[in-house]
Amino acid sequence: MNEFNERYDTDSVREFTVSDADAGPYALTEGPDGALWFTLVHRGAVGRRDPDDGRVTVHPVGDGPTVVAAGPDGALWFTEYRTHRIGRITPEGDYSSFEPLTPEGGPFGIAAGPDGAMWFTLSSADRVGRVTADGEVTEYAAPGAFPSALTAGPDGALWCTLNQGNAVGRLTTDGHGTAYPLPTEGAAPVGITAGPDGALWFTEIGAGRIGRITVAGDITEYPLADPGARPHAVTAGPDGALWFTEWGSGRVGRITVDGRIASYALSRADSEPHGIAVHDGALWCALETGSLARIEVPS
C-alpha cells in the first residue's frame, strides 16, 4: 500500500500523485466498491484509490493494462495490450485473465455490453470480442480498421471508433457491423461514449474535434480552439455535458450538447491526460506523468 501527497490545487482542479512518472496512469473508472480504479500501463499493474482516505493500493497484473471498465459481475475488467489478454480483478484484488481467440490482437477498448457480457476491441486484428463472466469468448469482424474505444449505445448495439478507418462503427450483439465515415479526413477517432441526448459522442485526436453521431448515423463535428489539442477520451458528466481529455495540450475539455466548449488547465501542458471518468460527483482523469486529476463540475 502506498500513500502519496496532493501536488496541484486550484479552484477547479486538484491533482493527486498515485505513482512515479514511469508507471503511466492511463485509464480509470469507478468500481462497485466506490473506489477509483486505474491502470498503470507501463508497470503492469492496476491501482485502487480508496474513496475515504485516498490511499492507493497497487495490484500486479499482466503486461500493458490499458482501458478499464466496471463489469456487471461486480469486478473490474481491463485490456492487457501487450500480453493480448483480457484481465479481471475483484474489489478484493483477486486477478484472472482470459485469452481472445485471435492471437496478437492488441486488445484496447473494453465496456460492459447490453447483454451482460464485456465487449472489447482487438485493434491490431480489426476484430471485436465478447467475453462472459466465466471466460467464454466470441469474436466478430469489426466494421472497419483499427477499432479503438467502444461503448454500449442507447439502441442496444455496441459503438466503436475505427481509428484507421476514419469512421465510427456500430455492431449488433449478433455481430452485424456498419461503418459511418467521418466528414473530416485524418480525424483518427479514439474515445467514444453514450451522451445524455440519445447520441454517441467521440473524440477526433487527429483533427482536434469532438464528434456527435446519432443512432441513425447523422454526424456533427465541433472544432476545438486548439487544433493540436489531440482530444483522447470522453465521458458523459453528471451535469448533462460531455467531458474529454486534451492529450496534446494538458487540459480537460467540456462540451454541452448544443456545442458550447470550455476547458480547464492541468498542472503541466505535458501531463498527458488520457482516460476520464465520473467519480464522487466530479470528473477524474489519468495523467500519464503519475497523477490523477479531479475536476469540479461547474455550478
C-alpha atoms as a PDB file:
ATOM      1  CA  MET A   1       0.000   0.000   0.000  1.00  0.00           C
ATOM      2  CA  ASN A   2       1.360   3.400  -0.985  1.00  0.00           C
ATOM      3  CA  GLU A   3       0.481   6.905   0.161  1.00  0.00           C
ATOM      4  CA  PHE A   4       1.039   9.962  -1.978  1.00  0.00           C
ATOM      5  CA  ASN A   5       0.535  13.668  -1.468  1.00  0.00           C
ATOM      6  CA  GLU A   6      -1.594  16.157  -3.339  1.00  0.00           C
ATOM      7  CA  ARG A   7       0.645  18.241  -5.584  1.00  0.00           C
ATOM      8  CA  TYR A   8      -1.551  20.688  -7.503  1.00  0.00           C
ATOM      9  CA  ASP A   9      -4.598  22.642  -6.373  1.00  0.00           C
ATOM     10  CA  THR A  10      -6.685  25.375  -7.993  1.00  0.00           C
ATOM     11  CA  ASP A  11     -10.312  26.424  -7.618  1.00  0.00           C
ATOM     12  CA  SER A  12     -11.398  23.815 -10.189  1.00  0.00           C
ATOM     13  CA  VAL A  13      -8.621  21.216 -10.396  1.00  0.00           C
ATOM     14  CA  ARG A  14      -6.759  19.128  -7.824  1.00  0.00           C
ATOM     15  CA  GLU A  15      -4.116  16.543  -8.650  1.00  0.00           C
ATOM     16  CA  PHE A  16      -3.062  13.550  -6.580  1.00  0.00           C
ATOM     17  CA  THR A  17       0.167  11.677  -7.259  1.00  0.00           C
ATOM     18  CA  VAL A  18      -0.508   7.928  -7.388  1.00  0.00           C
ATOM     19  CA  SER A  19       2.669   6.563  -8.979  1.00  0.00           C
ATOM     20  CA  ASP A  20       6.077   7.515 -10.231  1.00  0.00           C
ATOM     21  CA  ALA A  21       6.284   9.175 -13.633  1.00  0.00           C
ATOM     22  CA  ASP A  22       7.336   5.941 -15.351  1.00  0.00           C
ATOM     23  CA  ALA A  23       4.287   3.878 -14.319  1.00  0.00           C
ATOM     24  CA  GLY A  24       1.858   5.634 -16.653  1.00  0.00           C
ATOM     25  CA  PRO A  25      -1.679   6.006 -15.223  1.00  0.00           C
ATOM     26  CA  TYR A  26      -3.732   5.540 -18.377  1.00  0.00           C
ATOM     27  CA  ALA A  27      -7.447   4.887 -17.817  1.00  0.00           C
ATOM     28  CA  LEU A  28      -9.769   4.855 -14.831  1.00  0.00           C
ATOM     29  CA  THR A  29     -13.292   4.034 -13.678  1.00  0.00           C
ATOM     30  CA  GLU A  30     -15.360   3.942 -10.526  1.00  0.00           C
ATOM     31  CA  GLY A  31     -15.592   0.429  -9.136  1.00  0.00           C
ATOM     32  CA  PRO A  32     -18.553  -1.319  -7.494  1.00  0.00           C
ATOM     33  CA  ASP A  33     -16.839  -0.701  -4.140  1.00  0.00           C
ATOM     34  CA  GLY A  34     -16.998   3.085  -4.602  1.00  0.00           C
ATOM     35  CA  ALA A  35     -13.241   3.324  -5.139  1.00  0.00           C
ATOM     36  CA  LEU A  36     -11.441   4.780  -8.137  1.00  0.00           C
ATOM     37  CA  TRP A  37      -9.620   2.098 -10.127  1.00  0.00           C
ATOM     38  CA  PHE A  38      -6.941   2.908 -12.693  1.00  0.00           C
ATOM     39  CA  THR A  39      -4.445   1.167 -14.935  1.00  0.00           C
ATOM     40  CA  LEU A  40      -0.675   1.636 -14.726  1.00  0.00           C
ATOM     41  CA  VAL A  41       0.141   0.749 -18.306  1.00  0.00           C
ATOM     42  CA  HIS A  42       3.955   0.761 -18.001  1.00  0.00           C
ATOM     43  CA  ARG A  43       4.099  -1.025 -14.650  1.00  0.00           C
ATOM     44  CA  GLY A  44       1.818  -3.969 -15.454  1.00  0.00           C
ATOM     45  CA  ALA A  45      -0.496  -3.115 -12.585  1.00  0.00           C
ATOM     46  CA  VAL A  46      -3.948  -1.880 -11.631  1.00  0.00           C
ATOM     47  CA  GLY A  47      -4.360   0.646  -8.835  1.00  0.00           C
ATOM     48  CA  ARG A  48      -7.179   1.397  -6.404  1.00  0.00           C
ATOM     49  CA  ARG A  49      -7.643   4.777  -4.702  1.00  0.00           C
ATOM     50  CA  ASP A  50      -9.692   4.493  -1.519  1.00  0.00           C
ATOM     51  CA  PRO A  51     -12.741   6.810  -1.507  1.00  0.00           C
ATOM     52  CA  ASP A  52     -12.365   7.601   2.203  1.00  0.00           C
ATOM     53  CA  ASP A  53      -8.698   8.249   2.880  1.00  0.00           C
ATOM     54  CA  GLY A  54      -7.186   8.397  -0.622  1.00  0.00           C
ATOM     55  CA  ARG A  55      -4.755   5.566  -0.010  1.00  0.00           C
ATOM     56  CA  VAL A  56      -3.530   3.780  -3.119  1.00  0.00           C
ATOM     57  CA  THR A  57      -3.197   0.013  -3.393  1.00  0.00           C
ATOM     58  CA  VAL A  58      -1.382  -1.438  -6.421  1.00  0.00           C
ATOM     59  CA  HIS A  59      -2.149  -4.918  -7.790  1.00  0.00           C
ATOM     60  CA  PRO A  60       0.257  -6.570 -10.269  1.00  0.00           C
ATOM     61  CA  VAL A  61      -1.491  -7.902 -13.393  1.00  0.00           C
ATOM     62  CA  GLY A  62      -0.450  -8.733 -16.966  1.00  0.00           C
ATOM     63  CA  ASP A  63       1.734  -6.531 -19.145  1.00  0.00           C
ATOM     64  CA  GLY A  64       0.273  -3.357 -20.615  1.00  0.00           C
ATOM     65  CA  PRO A  65      -3.081  -2.904 -18.824  1.00  0.00           C
ATOM     66  CA  THR A  66      -4.830  -0.195 -20.788  1.00  0.00           C
ATOM     67  CA  VAL A  67      -8.570   0.560 -20.606  1.00  0.00           C
ATOM     68  CA  VAL A  68     -10.562  -0.491 -17.518  1.00  0.00           C
ATOM     69  CA  ALA A  69     -14.328  -0.770 -17.006  1.00  0.00           C
ATOM     70  CA  ALA A  70     -16.686  -1.975 -14.299  1.00  0.00           C
ATOM     71  CA  GLY A  71     -18.425  -5.225 -15.161  1.00  0.00           C
ATOM     72  CA  PRO A  72     -21.938  -6.438 -14.390  1.00  0.00           C
ATOM     73  CA  ASP A  73     -20.442  -9.171 -12.179  1.00  0.00           C
ATOM     74  CA  GLY A  74     -19.050  -6.781  -9.545  1.00  0.00           C
ATOM     75  CA  ALA A  75     -15.476  -6.979 -10.859  1.00  0.00           C
ATOM     76  CA  LEU A  76     -13.232  -4.653 -12.850  1.00  0.00           C
ATOM     77  CA  TRP A  77     -12.294  -5.708 -16.387  1.00  0.00           C
ATOM     78  CA  PHE A  78      -9.392  -4.351 -18.415  1.00  0.00           C
ATOM     79  CA  THR A  79      -7.441  -4.954 -21.581  1.00  0.00           C
ATOM     80  CA  GLU A  80      -3.831  -6.131 -21.462  1.00  0.00           C
ATOM     81  CA  TYR A  81      -2.468  -4.690 -24.672  1.00  0.00           C
ATOM     82  CA  ARG A  82       0.976  -6.286 -24.555  1.00  0.00           C
ATOM     83  CA  THR A  83       0.033  -9.751 -23.309  1.00  0.00           C
ATOM     84  CA  HIS A  84      -3.009  -9.781 -25.632  1.00  0.00           C
ATOM     85  CA  ARG A  85      -5.355 -10.852 -22.852  1.00  0.00           C
ATOM     86  CA  ILE A  86      -8.446  -9.596 -21.052  1.00  0.00           C
ATOM     87  CA  GLY A  87      -7.921  -9.130 -17.319  1.00  0.00           C
ATOM     88  CA  ARG A  88     -10.420  -9.288 -14.465  1.00  0.00           C
ATOM     89  CA  ILE A  89      -9.891  -8.197 -10.859  1.00  0.00           C
ATOM     90  CA  THR A  90     -12.305  -8.251  -7.952  1.00  0.00           C
ATOM     91  CA  PRO A  91     -12.522  -5.389  -5.433  1.00  0.00           C
ATOM     92  CA  GLU A  92     -10.617  -7.697  -3.049  1.00  0.00           C
ATOM     93  CA  GLY A  93      -7.722  -7.953  -5.515  1.00  0.00           C
ATOM     94  CA  ASP A  94      -8.257 -11.453  -6.956  1.00  0.00           C
ATOM     95  CA  TYR A  95      -6.897 -11.401 -10.517  1.00  0.00           C
ATOM     96  CA  SER A  96      -7.528 -13.659 -13.503  1.00  0.00           C
ATOM     97  CA  SER A  97      -7.256 -13.257 -17.269  1.00  0.00           C
ATOM     98  CA  PHE A  98      -8.718 -14.661 -20.469  1.00  0.00           C
ATOM     99  CA  GLU A  99      -7.218 -15.172 -23.898  1.00  0.00           C
ATOM    100  CA  PRO A 100      -9.058 -13.932 -27.007  1.00  0.00           C
ATOM    101  CA  LEU A 101      -9.489 -16.322 -29.920  1.00  0.00           C
ATOM    102  CA  THR A 102      -7.283 -14.226 -32.217  1.00  0.00           C
ATOM    103  CA  PRO A 103      -3.615 -14.188 -31.116  1.00  0.00           C
ATOM    104  CA  GLU A 104      -1.623 -10.950 -31.019  1.00  0.00           C
ATOM    105  CA  GLY A 105      -4.826  -8.940 -31.430  1.00  0.00           C
ATOM    106  CA  GLY A 106      -3.845  -5.916 -29.351  1.00  0.00           C
ATOM    107  CA  PRO A 107      -6.912  -5.541 -27.092  1.00  0.00           C
ATOM    108  CA  PHE A 108      -7.559  -1.894 -26.302  1.00  0.00           C
ATOM    109  CA  GLY A 109     -11.116  -0.721 -25.561  1.00  0.00           C
ATOM    110  CA  ILE A 110     -13.491  -2.519 -23.202  1.00  0.00           C
ATOM    111  CA  ALA A 111     -17.020  -1.848 -21.970  1.00  0.00           C
ATOM    112  CA  ALA A 112     -19.985  -3.628 -20.447  1.00  0.00           C
ATOM    113  CA  GLY A 113     -22.480  -4.631 -23.124  1.00  0.00           C
ATOM    114  CA  PRO A 114     -26.279  -4.654 -23.042  1.00  0.00           C
ATOM    115  CA  ASP A 115     -26.247  -8.474 -22.880  1.00  0.00           C
ATOM    116  CA  GLY A 116     -24.482  -8.969 -19.527  1.00  0.00           C
ATOM    117  CA  ALA A 117     -21.067  -9.615 -21.103  1.00  0.00           C
ATOM    118  CA  MET A 118     -17.944  -7.490 -21.555  1.00  0.00           C
ATOM    119  CA  TRP A 119     -17.063  -6.348 -25.070  1.00  0.00           C
ATOM    120  CA  PHE A 120     -13.578  -5.418 -26.224  1.00  0.00           C
ATOM    121  CA  THR A 121     -11.711  -4.325 -29.325  1.00  0.00           C
ATOM    122  CA  LEU A 122      -8.784  -6.145 -30.908  1.00  0.00           C
ATOM    123  CA  SER A 123      -7.243  -3.126 -32.568  1.00  0.00           C
ATOM    124  CA  SER A 124      -4.395  -4.914 -34.346  1.00  0.00           C
ATOM    125  CA  ALA A 125      -6.686  -7.611 -35.736  1.00  0.00           C
ATOM    126  CA  ASP A 126      -9.672  -5.460 -36.799  1.00  0.00           C
ATOM    127  CA  ARG A 127     -11.985  -7.520 -34.618  1.00  0.00           C
ATOM    128  CA  VAL A 128     -14.379  -7.006 -31.708  1.00  0.00           C
ATOM    129  CA  GLY A 129     -14.701  -9.607 -28.948  1.00  0.00           C
ATOM    130  CA  ARG A 130     -17.176 -10.591 -26.262  1.00  0.00           C
ATOM    131  CA  VAL A 131     -16.315 -12.348 -23.001  1.00  0.00           C
ATOM    132  CA  THR A 132     -18.712 -13.657 -20.368  1.00  0.00           C
ATOM    133  CA  ALA A 133     -18.065 -13.645 -16.627  1.00  0.00           C
ATOM    134  CA  ASP A 134     -16.894 -17.261 -16.792  1.00  0.00           C
ATOM    135  CA  GLY A 135     -14.483 -16.599 -19.656  1.00  0.00           C
ATOM    136  CA  GLU A 136     -16.384 -17.740 -22.753  1.00  0.00           C
ATOM    137  CA  VAL A 137     -15.074 -15.701 -25.697  1.00  0.00           C
ATOM    138  CA  THR A 138     -16.716 -14.889 -29.037  1.00  0.00           C
ATOM    139  CA  GLU A 139     -15.290 -12.672 -31.764  1.00  0.00           C
ATOM    140  CA  TYR A 140     -16.644 -10.778 -34.760  1.00  0.00           C
ATOM    141  CA  ALA A 141     -15.121  -8.821 -37.610  1.00  0.00           C
ATOM    142  CA  ALA A 142     -15.019  -5.105 -36.863  1.00  0.00           C
ATOM    143  CA  PRO A 143     -16.795  -2.874 -39.379  1.00  0.00           C
ATOM    144  CA  GLY A 144     -13.513  -1.104 -40.197  1.00  0.00           C
ATOM    145  CA  ALA A 145      -9.817  -0.683 -39.476  1.00  0.00           C
ATOM    146  CA  PHE A 146      -8.253  -0.451 -36.020  1.00  0.00           C
ATOM    147  CA  PRO A 147     -11.254  -0.480 -33.672  1.00  0.00           C
ATOM    148  CA  SER A 148     -10.271   1.504 -30.584  1.00  0.00           C
ATOM    149  CA  ALA A 149     -12.662   2.551 -27.805  1.00  0.00           C
ATOM    150  CA  LEU A 150     -16.205   1.205 -27.605  1.00  0.00           C
ATOM    151  CA  THR A 151     -19.372   1.777 -25.619  1.00  0.00           C
ATOM    152  CA  ALA A 152     -22.898   0.453 -25.343  1.00  0.00           C
ATOM    153  CA  GLY A 153     -25.328   2.635 -27.268  1.00  0.00           C
ATOM    154  CA  PRO A 154     -28.920   3.591 -26.424  1.00  0.00           C
ATOM    155  CA  ASP A 155     -30.100   1.356 -29.278  1.00  0.00           C
ATOM    156  CA  GLY A 156     -28.896  -1.936 -27.758  1.00  0.00           C
ATOM    157  CA  ALA A 157     -25.811  -2.103 -30.017  1.00  0.00           C
ATOM    158  CA  LEU A 158     -22.085  -1.560 -29.430  1.00  0.00           C
ATOM    159  CA  TRP A 159     -20.481   1.526 -30.949  1.00  0.00           C
ATOM    160  CA  CYS A 160     -16.750   1.851 -31.543  1.00  0.00           C
ATOM    161  CA  THR A 161     -14.280   4.250 -33.085  1.00  0.00           C
ATOM    162  CA  LEU A 162     -12.422   2.990 -36.161  1.00  0.00           C
ATOM    163  CA  ASN A 163      -9.183   4.898 -35.716  1.00  0.00           C
ATOM    164  CA  GLN A 164      -7.501   3.987 -39.003  1.00  0.00           C
ATOM    165  CA  GLY A 165     -10.762   3.637 -40.900  1.00  0.00           C
ATOM    166  CA  ASN A 166     -11.676   7.270 -40.158  1.00  0.00           C
ATOM    167  CA  ALA A 167     -15.158   6.171 -39.182  1.00  0.00           C
ATOM    168  CA  VAL A 168     -17.444   5.241 -36.315  1.00  0.00           C
ATOM    169  CA  GLY A 169     -18.706   1.666 -36.237  1.00  0.00           C
ATOM    170  CA  ARG A 170     -21.888   0.041 -34.942  1.00  0.00           C
ATOM    171  CA  LEU A 171     -22.027  -3.664 -34.064  1.00  0.00           C
ATOM    172  CA  THR A 172     -25.124  -5.560 -33.016  1.00  0.00           C
ATOM    173  CA  THR A 173     -24.808  -8.200 -30.316  1.00  0.00           C
ATOM    174  CA  ASP A 174     -25.082 -10.882 -33.020  1.00  0.00           C
ATOM    175  CA  GLY A 175     -22.086  -9.428 -34.882  1.00  0.00           C
ATOM    176  CA  HIS A 176     -23.621  -7.371 -37.701  1.00  0.00           C
ATOM    177  CA  GLY A 177     -21.439  -4.320 -38.337  1.00  0.00           C
ATOM    178  CA  THR A 178     -21.961  -0.947 -40.010  1.00  0.00           C
ATOM    179  CA  ALA A 179     -19.406   1.835 -40.546  1.00  0.00           C
ATOM    180  CA  TYR A 180     -20.174   5.560 -40.744  1.00  0.00           C
ATOM    181  CA  PRO A 181     -17.338   7.503 -42.443  1.00  0.00           C
ATOM    182  CA  LEU A 182     -16.373  10.824 -40.861  1.00  0.00           C
ATOM    183  CA  PRO A 183     -16.577  14.076 -42.835  1.00  0.00           C
ATOM    184  CA  THR A 184     -13.039  15.157 -41.867  1.00  0.00           C
ATOM    185  CA  GLU A 185     -10.090  13.285 -43.350  1.00  0.00           C
ATOM    186  CA  GLY A 186      -7.459  12.138 -40.872  1.00  0.00           C
ATOM    187  CA  ALA A 187      -9.785  12.548 -37.894  1.00  0.00           C
ATOM    188  CA  ALA A 188      -8.422   9.328 -36.279  1.00  0.00           C
ATOM    189  CA  PRO A 189     -11.244   8.898 -33.717  1.00  0.00           C
ATOM    190  CA  VAL A 190     -10.357   7.329 -30.351  1.00  0.00           C
ATOM    191  CA  GLY A 191     -12.704   7.829 -27.382  1.00  0.00           C
ATOM    192  CA  ILE A 192     -16.468   7.302 -27.537  1.00  0.00           C
ATOM    193  CA  THR A 193     -19.335   7.426 -25.050  1.00  0.00           C
ATOM    194  CA  ALA A 194     -23.119   7.461 -24.961  1.00  0.00           C
ATOM    195  CA  GLY A 195     -24.373  11.005 -24.402  1.00  0.00           C
ATOM    196  CA  PRO A 196     -27.344  12.256 -22.380  1.00  0.00           C
ATOM    197  CA  ASP A 197     -29.093  13.267 -25.618  1.00  0.00           C
ATOM    198  CA  GLY A 198     -29.502   9.774 -27.096  1.00  0.00           C
ATOM    199  CA  ALA A 199     -26.479  10.176 -29.400  1.00  0.00           C
ATOM    200  CA  LEU A 200     -22.876   8.937 -29.279  1.00  0.00           C
ATOM    201  CA  TRP A 201     -20.042  11.403 -28.729  1.00  0.00           C
ATOM    202  CA  PHE A 202     -16.434  10.761 -29.766  1.00  0.00           C
ATOM    203  CA  THR A 203     -13.031  12.406 -29.989  1.00  0.00           C
ATOM    204  CA  GLU A 204     -11.072  13.098 -33.174  1.00  0.00           C
ATOM    205  CA  ILE A 205      -7.476  13.050 -31.992  1.00  0.00           C
ATOM    206  CA  GLY A 206      -6.097  13.731 -35.469  1.00  0.00           C
ATOM    207  CA  ALA A 207      -8.361  16.675 -36.295  1.00  0.00           C
ATOM    208  CA  GLY A 208      -8.763  18.415 -32.930  1.00  0.00           C
ATOM    209  CA  ARG A 209     -12.540  17.991 -32.931  1.00  0.00           C
ATOM    210  CA  ILE A 210     -15.341  16.457 -30.899  1.00  0.00           C
ATOM    211  CA  GLY A 211     -17.882  14.466 -32.882  1.00  0.00           C
ATOM    212  CA  ARG A 212     -21.511  13.513 -32.347  1.00  0.00           C
ATOM    213  CA  ILE A 213     -23.326  10.729 -34.180  1.00  0.00           C
ATOM    214  CA  THR A 214     -26.988   9.816 -33.878  1.00  0.00           C
ATOM    215  CA  VAL A 215     -28.108   6.193 -33.909  1.00  0.00           C
ATOM    216  CA  ALA A 216     -29.309   6.890 -37.469  1.00  0.00           C
ATOM    217  CA  GLY A 217     -25.745   7.822 -38.487  1.00  0.00           C
ATOM    218  CA  ASP A 218     -26.004  11.618 -38.727  1.00  0.00           C
ATOM    219  CA  ILE A 219     -22.660  13.208 -37.795  1.00  0.00           C
ATOM    220  CA  THR A 220     -21.817  16.667 -36.431  1.00  0.00           C
ATOM    221  CA  GLU A 221     -18.279  17.849 -35.676  1.00  0.00           C
ATOM    222  CA  TYR A 222     -17.197  20.603 -33.285  1.00  0.00           C
ATOM    223  CA  PRO A 223     -13.677  22.030 -33.753  1.00  0.00           C
ATOM    224  CA  LEU A 224     -11.673  22.880 -30.634  1.00  0.00           C
ATOM    225  CA  ALA A 225      -9.952  26.245 -30.204  1.00  0.00           C
ATOM    226  CA  ASP A 226      -6.566  24.489 -30.328  1.00  0.00           C
ATOM    227  CA  PRO A 227      -6.329  22.238 -33.434  1.00  0.00           C
ATOM    228  CA  GLY A 228      -3.381  20.468 -31.795  1.00  0.00           C
ATOM    229  CA  ALA A 229      -5.243  19.618 -28.573  1.00  0.00           C
ATOM    230  CA  ARG A 230      -5.434  15.921 -29.563  1.00  0.00           C
ATOM    231  CA  PRO A 231      -8.642  15.004 -27.683  1.00  0.00           C
ATOM    232  CA  HIS A 232      -8.368  11.423 -26.465  1.00  0.00           C
ATOM    233  CA  ALA A 233     -11.039  10.049 -24.106  1.00  0.00           C
ATOM    234  CA  VAL A 234     -14.599  11.262 -23.491  1.00  0.00           C
ATOM    235  CA  THR A 235     -17.337  10.564 -20.950  1.00  0.00           C
ATOM    236  CA  ALA A 236     -20.776  11.865 -20.035  1.00  0.00           C
ATOM    237  CA  GLY A 237     -20.639  14.088 -16.957  1.00  0.00           C
ATOM    238  CA  PRO A 238     -23.139  14.399 -14.102  1.00  0.00           C
ATOM    239  CA  ASP A 239     -24.023  17.889 -15.377  1.00  0.00           C
ATOM    240  CA  GLY A 240     -25.528  16.812 -18.713  1.00  0.00           C
ATOM    241  CA  ALA A 241     -22.384  17.777 -20.654  1.00  0.00           C
ATOM    242  CA  LEU A 242     -19.592  15.711 -22.230  1.00  0.00           C
ATOM    243  CA  TRP A 243     -16.082  15.859 -20.777  1.00  0.00           C
ATOM    244  CA  PHE A 244     -12.883  14.928 -22.608  1.00  0.00           C
ATOM    245  CA  THR A 245      -9.116  14.909 -22.194  1.00  0.00           C
ATOM    246  CA  GLU A 246      -6.831  17.018 -24.377  1.00  0.00           C
ATOM    247  CA  TRP A 247      -3.700  14.897 -24.544  1.00  0.00           C
ATOM    248  CA  GLY A 248      -1.758  17.392 -26.663  1.00  0.00           C
ATOM    249  CA  SER A 249      -2.403  20.488 -24.540  1.00  0.00           C
ATOM    250  CA  GLY A 250      -2.576  19.165 -20.962  1.00  0.00           C
ATOM    251  CA  ARG A 251      -6.171  20.246 -20.461  1.00  0.00           C
ATOM    252  CA  VAL A 252      -9.609  18.776 -19.787  1.00  0.00           C
ATOM    253  CA  GLY A 253     -12.457  19.966 -22.002  1.00  0.00           C
ATOM    254  CA  ARG A 254     -16.216  20.211 -21.563  1.00  0.00           C
ATOM    255  CA  ILE A 255     -18.794  20.434 -24.349  1.00  0.00           C
ATOM    256  CA  THR A 256     -22.536  20.896 -23.931  1.00  0.00           C
ATOM    257  CA  VAL A 257     -24.961  19.007 -26.142  1.00  0.00           C
ATOM    258  CA  ASP A 258     -25.515  22.202 -28.134  1.00  0.00           C
ATOM    259  CA  GLY A 259     -21.803  22.582 -28.821  1.00  0.00           C
ATOM    260  CA  ARG A 260     -20.524  25.131 -26.279  1.00  0.00           C
ATOM    261  CA  ILE A 261     -16.939  24.324 -25.299  1.00  0.00           C
ATOM    262  CA  ALA A 262     -14.846  25.178 -22.232  1.00  0.00           C
ATOM    263  CA  SER A 263     -11.572  23.770 -20.924  1.00  0.00           C
ATOM    264  CA  TYR A 264      -9.546  23.516 -17.715  1.00  0.00           C
ATOM    265  CA  ALA A 265      -5.769  23.636 -17.457  1.00  0.00           C
ATOM    266  CA  LEU A 266      -3.902  20.891 -15.618  1.00  0.00           C
ATOM    267  CA  SER A 267      -0.613  21.407 -13.787  1.00  0.00           C
ATOM    268  CA  ARG A 268       1.556  20.937 -16.877  1.00  0.00           C
ATOM    269  CA  ALA A 269       0.994  21.190 -20.606  1.00  0.00           C
ATOM    270  CA  ASP A 270       2.871  17.890 -20.961  1.00  0.00           C
ATOM    271  CA  SER A 271       0.898  15.996 -18.261  1.00  0.00           C
ATOM    272  CA  GLU A 272      -0.534  13.646 -20.939  1.00  0.00           C
ATOM    273  CA  PRO A 273      -4.145  13.209 -19.782  1.00  0.00           C
ATOM    274  CA  HIS A 274      -5.685  10.014 -21.133  1.00  0.00           C
ATOM    275  CA  GLY A 275      -8.738   8.347 -19.558  1.00  0.00           C
ATOM    276  CA  ILE A 276     -11.586  10.271 -17.927  1.00  0.00           C
ATOM    277  CA  ALA A 277     -14.466   9.120 -15.715  1.00  0.00           C
ATOM    278  CA  VAL A 278     -17.078  10.346 -13.247  1.00  0.00           C
ATOM    279  CA  HIS A 279     -16.338   9.626  -9.588  1.00  0.00           C
ATOM    280  CA  ASP A 280     -17.689  11.121  -6.377  1.00  0.00           C
ATOM    281  CA  GLY A 281     -19.645  13.832  -8.208  1.00  0.00           C
ATOM    282  CA  ALA A 282     -16.611  15.127 -10.121  1.00  0.00           C
ATOM    283  CA  LEU A 283     -14.603  14.317 -13.238  1.00  0.00           C
ATOM    284  CA  TRP A 284     -11.333  12.461 -12.797  1.00  0.00           C
ATOM    285  CA  CYS A 285      -8.673  11.888 -15.422  1.00  0.00           C
ATOM    286  CA  ALA A 286      -5.475   9.857 -15.536  1.00  0.00           C
ATOM    287  CA  LEU A 287      -2.247  11.740 -16.219  1.00  0.00           C
ATOM    288  CA  GLU A 288       0.485   9.553 -17.624  1.00  0.00           C
ATOM    289  CA  THR A 289       3.054  11.607 -15.711  1.00  0.00           C
ATOM    290  CA  GLY A 290       1.918   9.886 -12.484  1.00  0.00           C
ATOM    291  CA  SER A 291      -1.202  11.605 -11.146  1.00  0.00           C
ATOM    292  CA  LEU A 292      -4.984  11.536 -11.100  1.00  0.00           C
ATOM    293  CA  ALA A 293      -6.699  14.886 -11.558  1.00  0.00           C
ATOM    294  CA  ARG A 294     -10.090  15.808 -10.055  1.00  0.00           C
ATOM    295  CA  ILE A 295     -12.069  18.498 -11.872  1.00  0.00           C
ATOM    296  CA  GLU A 296     -15.033  20.114 -10.169  1.00  0.00           C
ATOM    297  CA  VAL A 297     -18.284  20.240 -12.108  1.00  0.00           C
ATOM    298  CA  PRO A 298     -19.284  23.893 -12.570  1.00  0.00           C
ATOM    299  CA  SER A 299     -22.485  25.007 -10.901  1.00  0.00           C
END
